[in-house]
N, C-alpha and C. Protein backbone atom coordinates (compact mmCIF):
# COMPACT_ATOMS: atom_id res chain seq x y z
N MET A 1 1.30 -18.55 -23.63
CA MET A 1 2.09 -18.19 -24.70
C MET A 1 1.42 -18.15 -25.94
N SER A 2 1.39 -17.28 -26.90
CA SER A 2 1.03 -16.86 -27.90
C SER A 2 0.94 -17.73 -29.13
N ASN A 3 -0.01 -17.73 -30.21
CA ASN A 3 0.29 -18.76 -31.28
C ASN A 3 1.58 -18.42 -32.10
N GLN A 4 1.68 -17.23 -31.97
CA GLN A 4 3.03 -17.00 -32.88
C GLN A 4 4.39 -17.77 -32.30
N GLN A 5 4.14 -17.56 -30.87
CA GLN A 5 5.36 -18.20 -30.01
C GLN A 5 5.54 -19.81 -30.23
N SER A 6 4.44 -20.48 -30.61
CA SER A 6 4.30 -22.11 -30.43
C SER A 6 4.88 -22.49 -31.67
N LEU A 7 4.98 -21.43 -32.69
CA LEU A 7 5.16 -21.84 -34.06
C LEU A 7 6.77 -22.30 -34.29
N SER A 8 7.14 -23.47 -34.71
CA SER A 8 8.62 -23.66 -34.65
C SER A 8 8.68 -24.78 -36.03
N ILE A 9 9.73 -24.37 -36.95
CA ILE A 9 10.56 -25.51 -37.90
C ILE A 9 10.07 -26.94 -37.24
N ARG A 10 10.58 -27.15 -35.95
CA ARG A 10 10.58 -28.47 -35.33
C ARG A 10 9.18 -29.05 -35.40
N ASN A 11 8.03 -28.38 -35.60
CA ASN A 11 6.67 -28.70 -35.49
C ASN A 11 6.05 -28.92 -36.94
N LEU A 12 6.69 -28.45 -37.58
CA LEU A 12 6.17 -28.48 -39.19
C LEU A 12 6.34 -29.71 -39.69
N SER A 13 5.57 -30.34 -40.59
CA SER A 13 5.60 -31.90 -41.08
C SER A 13 6.12 -31.21 -42.42
N PRO A 14 7.11 -31.91 -43.14
CA PRO A 14 7.65 -31.52 -44.24
C PRO A 14 6.75 -31.56 -45.38
N LEU A 15 6.84 -30.68 -46.47
CA LEU A 15 5.99 -30.66 -47.52
C LEU A 15 5.88 -31.81 -48.28
N GLU A 16 7.14 -32.51 -48.53
CA GLU A 16 6.82 -33.67 -49.40
C GLU A 16 8.21 -34.63 -48.48
N ARG A 17 7.80 -35.94 -49.08
CA ARG A 17 9.02 -37.10 -48.07
C ARG A 17 9.81 -37.50 -49.25
N GLY A 18 9.72 -37.37 -50.39
CA GLY A 18 10.64 -37.95 -51.50
C GLY A 18 12.26 -37.99 -50.92
N GLY A 19 12.60 -36.94 -50.44
CA GLY A 19 14.20 -37.02 -49.91
C GLY A 19 14.54 -38.04 -48.57
N VAL A 20 13.41 -38.15 -47.71
CA VAL A 20 13.68 -39.11 -46.95
C VAL A 20 13.54 -40.31 -47.22
N GLU A 21 12.50 -40.62 -48.14
CA GLU A 21 12.43 -42.16 -48.54
C GLU A 21 13.74 -42.48 -49.30
N ALA A 22 13.98 -41.66 -50.48
CA ALA A 22 15.30 -41.85 -51.39
C ALA A 22 16.72 -42.41 -50.25
N ARG A 23 16.69 -41.37 -49.09
CA ARG A 23 17.93 -41.44 -48.35
C ARG A 23 17.85 -42.94 -47.57
N LYS A 24 16.69 -43.49 -47.27
CA LYS A 24 16.92 -44.91 -46.76
C LYS A 24 17.51 -45.80 -47.34
N GLY A 25 17.48 -45.78 -48.56
CA GLY A 25 18.29 -46.76 -49.10
C GLY A 25 19.97 -46.80 -49.21
N PHE A 26 20.20 -45.33 -48.57
CA PHE A 26 21.74 -45.14 -48.64
C PHE A 26 22.03 -44.70 -47.48
N GLU A 27 21.18 -45.28 -46.28
CA GLU A 27 21.52 -45.10 -44.81
C GLU A 27 23.09 -46.18 -44.58
N PHE A 28 22.31 -47.19 -45.09
CA PHE A 28 23.76 -48.61 -44.44
C PHE A 28 24.94 -48.06 -45.19
N GLN A 29 24.72 -47.54 -46.42
CA GLN A 29 26.18 -47.06 -47.20
C GLN A 29 26.58 -45.79 -46.75
N ASP A 30 26.09 -45.00 -46.08
CA ASP A 30 26.73 -43.55 -45.55
C ASP A 30 27.39 -44.42 -44.19
N HIS A 31 26.77 -45.31 -43.20
CA HIS A 31 27.60 -45.95 -42.23
C HIS A 31 28.79 -46.75 -42.54
N ILE A 32 28.74 -47.26 -43.52
CA ILE A 32 30.05 -47.92 -43.98
C ILE A 32 31.05 -46.97 -44.39
N ALA A 33 30.56 -45.75 -45.18
CA ALA A 33 31.55 -44.79 -45.59
C ALA A 33 32.31 -44.07 -44.25
N ALA A 34 31.41 -43.74 -43.15
CA ALA A 34 31.54 -43.36 -42.01
C ALA A 34 32.72 -44.17 -41.45
N GLY A 35 32.63 -45.10 -41.20
CA GLY A 35 33.52 -46.19 -40.88
C GLY A 35 34.70 -46.10 -41.65
N PHE A 36 34.93 -45.94 -43.04
CA PHE A 36 35.90 -45.92 -43.42
C PHE A 36 36.90 -44.52 -43.38
N LEU A 37 36.01 -43.14 -43.01
CA LEU A 37 36.43 -42.06 -42.79
C LEU A 37 37.19 -42.27 -41.53
N ILE A 38 36.49 -42.83 -40.37
CA ILE A 38 37.48 -43.60 -39.18
C ILE A 38 38.37 -43.82 -39.58
N ASP A 39 38.88 -44.71 -40.34
CA ASP A 39 39.74 -45.57 -40.65
C ASP A 39 40.98 -44.62 -41.41
N LEU A 40 40.39 -43.41 -42.11
CA LEU A 40 41.24 -42.60 -42.75
C LEU A 40 42.25 -41.77 -41.51
N LEU A 41 41.41 -41.60 -40.67
CA LEU A 41 42.03 -40.78 -39.41
C LEU A 41 43.11 -41.52 -38.49
N VAL A 42 43.16 -43.19 -38.90
CA VAL A 42 43.76 -44.08 -37.73
C VAL A 42 44.78 -44.71 -39.05
N HIS A 43 44.73 -44.90 -39.80
CA HIS A 43 45.62 -45.45 -40.82
C HIS A 43 46.05 -44.81 -41.81
N SER A 44 47.49 -44.30 -41.88
CA SER A 44 48.37 -43.42 -42.75
C SER A 44 48.21 -43.97 -44.13
N GLU A 45 48.05 -45.26 -44.52
CA GLU A 45 47.96 -45.96 -45.75
C GLU A 45 46.76 -45.56 -46.46
N LEU A 46 45.60 -45.25 -45.46
CA LEU A 46 44.49 -45.16 -46.45
C LEU A 46 44.37 -43.50 -46.58
N LEU A 47 44.53 -42.74 -48.23
CA LEU A 47 44.51 -41.60 -48.37
C LEU A 47 43.32 -40.64 -48.51
N GLU A 48 42.42 -41.72 -49.24
CA GLU A 48 41.34 -40.83 -49.77
C GLU A 48 40.16 -41.98 -49.49
N VAL A 49 38.92 -41.29 -49.59
CA VAL A 49 37.71 -41.83 -49.13
C VAL A 49 36.67 -41.11 -50.14
N TRP A 50 36.21 -41.98 -51.13
CA TRP A 50 35.09 -41.12 -52.24
C TRP A 50 33.79 -41.85 -51.98
N CYS A 51 32.73 -41.17 -52.14
CA CYS A 51 31.51 -41.51 -51.98
C CYS A 51 30.80 -41.38 -53.41
N GLU A 52 30.11 -42.45 -53.96
CA GLU A 52 29.10 -42.60 -55.14
C GLU A 52 30.07 -41.73 -56.41
N THR A 53 31.46 -42.00 -56.70
CA THR A 53 32.01 -41.63 -57.60
C THR A 53 32.05 -42.78 -59.02
N HIS A 54 33.01 -43.59 -58.72
CA HIS A 54 33.43 -44.94 -59.64
C HIS A 54 32.63 -46.08 -59.13
N ASP A 55 31.95 -46.25 -57.86
CA ASP A 55 31.45 -47.00 -57.20
C ASP A 55 30.77 -46.50 -55.74
N ASP A 56 30.28 -47.15 -55.02
CA ASP A 56 29.60 -47.19 -54.18
C ASP A 56 30.52 -46.08 -53.38
N ILE A 57 31.56 -46.72 -52.92
CA ILE A 57 32.51 -46.36 -52.08
C ILE A 57 33.95 -46.44 -52.85
N THR A 58 34.87 -45.71 -53.05
CA THR A 58 36.12 -45.83 -53.53
C THR A 58 37.39 -45.35 -52.29
N LEU A 59 38.16 -46.29 -52.51
CA LEU A 59 39.19 -46.29 -51.27
C LEU A 59 40.71 -45.89 -52.06
N ILE A 60 41.31 -44.95 -51.86
CA ILE A 60 42.54 -44.90 -52.15
C ILE A 60 43.70 -45.24 -51.27
N TRP A 61 44.40 -46.20 -51.41
CA TRP A 61 45.37 -46.82 -50.68
C TRP A 61 47.05 -46.21 -51.03
N GLN A 62 47.77 -46.12 -50.15
CA GLN A 62 49.25 -45.98 -50.37
C GLN A 62 49.96 -47.34 -50.17
N GLU A 63 50.42 -47.90 -51.06
CA GLU A 63 51.24 -49.20 -50.78
C GLU A 63 52.63 -49.49 -51.19
N THR A 64 53.37 -48.98 -50.66
CA THR A 64 55.02 -48.90 -50.36
C THR A 64 54.97 -47.58 -51.75
N SER A 65 55.47 -47.63 -52.94
CA SER A 65 55.44 -46.60 -53.83
C SER A 65 54.33 -46.30 -54.70
N ASP A 66 53.58 -47.60 -54.79
CA ASP A 66 52.14 -47.56 -55.38
C ASP A 66 50.93 -46.98 -55.15
N LEU A 67 50.11 -46.31 -55.46
CA LEU A 67 48.62 -46.29 -55.18
C LEU A 67 47.70 -47.55 -55.57
N VAL A 68 47.02 -47.68 -54.67
CA VAL A 68 46.05 -48.56 -54.99
C VAL A 68 44.72 -48.66 -54.77
N VAL A 69 43.84 -48.25 -55.73
CA VAL A 69 42.18 -48.12 -55.72
C VAL A 69 41.54 -49.46 -55.46
N GLU A 70 40.84 -49.31 -54.05
CA GLU A 70 39.72 -50.27 -54.08
C GLU A 70 38.22 -49.73 -54.26
N PHE A 71 37.46 -50.64 -55.02
CA PHE A 71 35.96 -50.21 -55.07
C PHE A 71 35.33 -51.27 -54.20
N VAL A 72 34.51 -50.40 -53.24
CA VAL A 72 33.68 -51.20 -52.31
C VAL A 72 32.02 -51.02 -52.83
N GLN A 73 31.11 -52.23 -53.03
CA GLN A 73 30.18 -52.01 -53.34
C GLN A 73 29.45 -52.45 -51.80
N VAL A 74 28.22 -51.60 -51.60
CA VAL A 74 27.65 -51.73 -50.24
C VAL A 74 25.99 -51.74 -50.85
N LYS A 75 25.47 -53.24 -50.53
CA LYS A 75 24.55 -53.43 -50.78
C LYS A 75 23.84 -54.12 -49.57
N ALA A 76 22.62 -53.47 -49.07
CA ALA A 76 21.86 -54.34 -47.90
C ALA A 76 20.24 -53.59 -47.79
N LEU A 77 19.43 -54.38 -47.77
CA LEU A 77 18.17 -54.02 -47.07
C LEU A 77 17.85 -54.11 -45.93
N ALA A 78 18.67 -55.17 -45.10
CA ALA A 78 18.34 -55.20 -43.64
C ALA A 78 19.56 -55.80 -43.26
N LEU A 79 20.00 -55.52 -42.09
CA LEU A 79 21.01 -56.06 -41.48
C LEU A 79 21.25 -57.40 -41.54
N ASN A 80 20.11 -58.11 -41.36
CA ASN A 80 20.55 -59.79 -41.39
C ASN A 80 20.41 -60.38 -42.73
N GLN A 81 20.80 -59.63 -43.62
CA GLN A 81 21.22 -60.05 -45.32
C GLN A 81 22.48 -59.86 -45.19
N LEU A 82 23.84 -59.49 -44.22
CA LEU A 82 24.72 -59.58 -44.71
C LEU A 82 25.45 -60.68 -44.42
């Protein structure tokens, strides 16, 4: 295999790691938001899931004829802190 064929984006190190480090703080929040998105598919009363707008996660619920807004704070450095 020539050197040209062995080059791949999968083998290259990133030029900087700032984005990866910044995302670590949001990984847990992303998992919680993904859970709410699954709930969105299952529960008809959950109408919308917003991320990083008015709070970490904002949920819009339909309760009878009213819309209810729920603000969700997601903060954790480690799972054992929950």
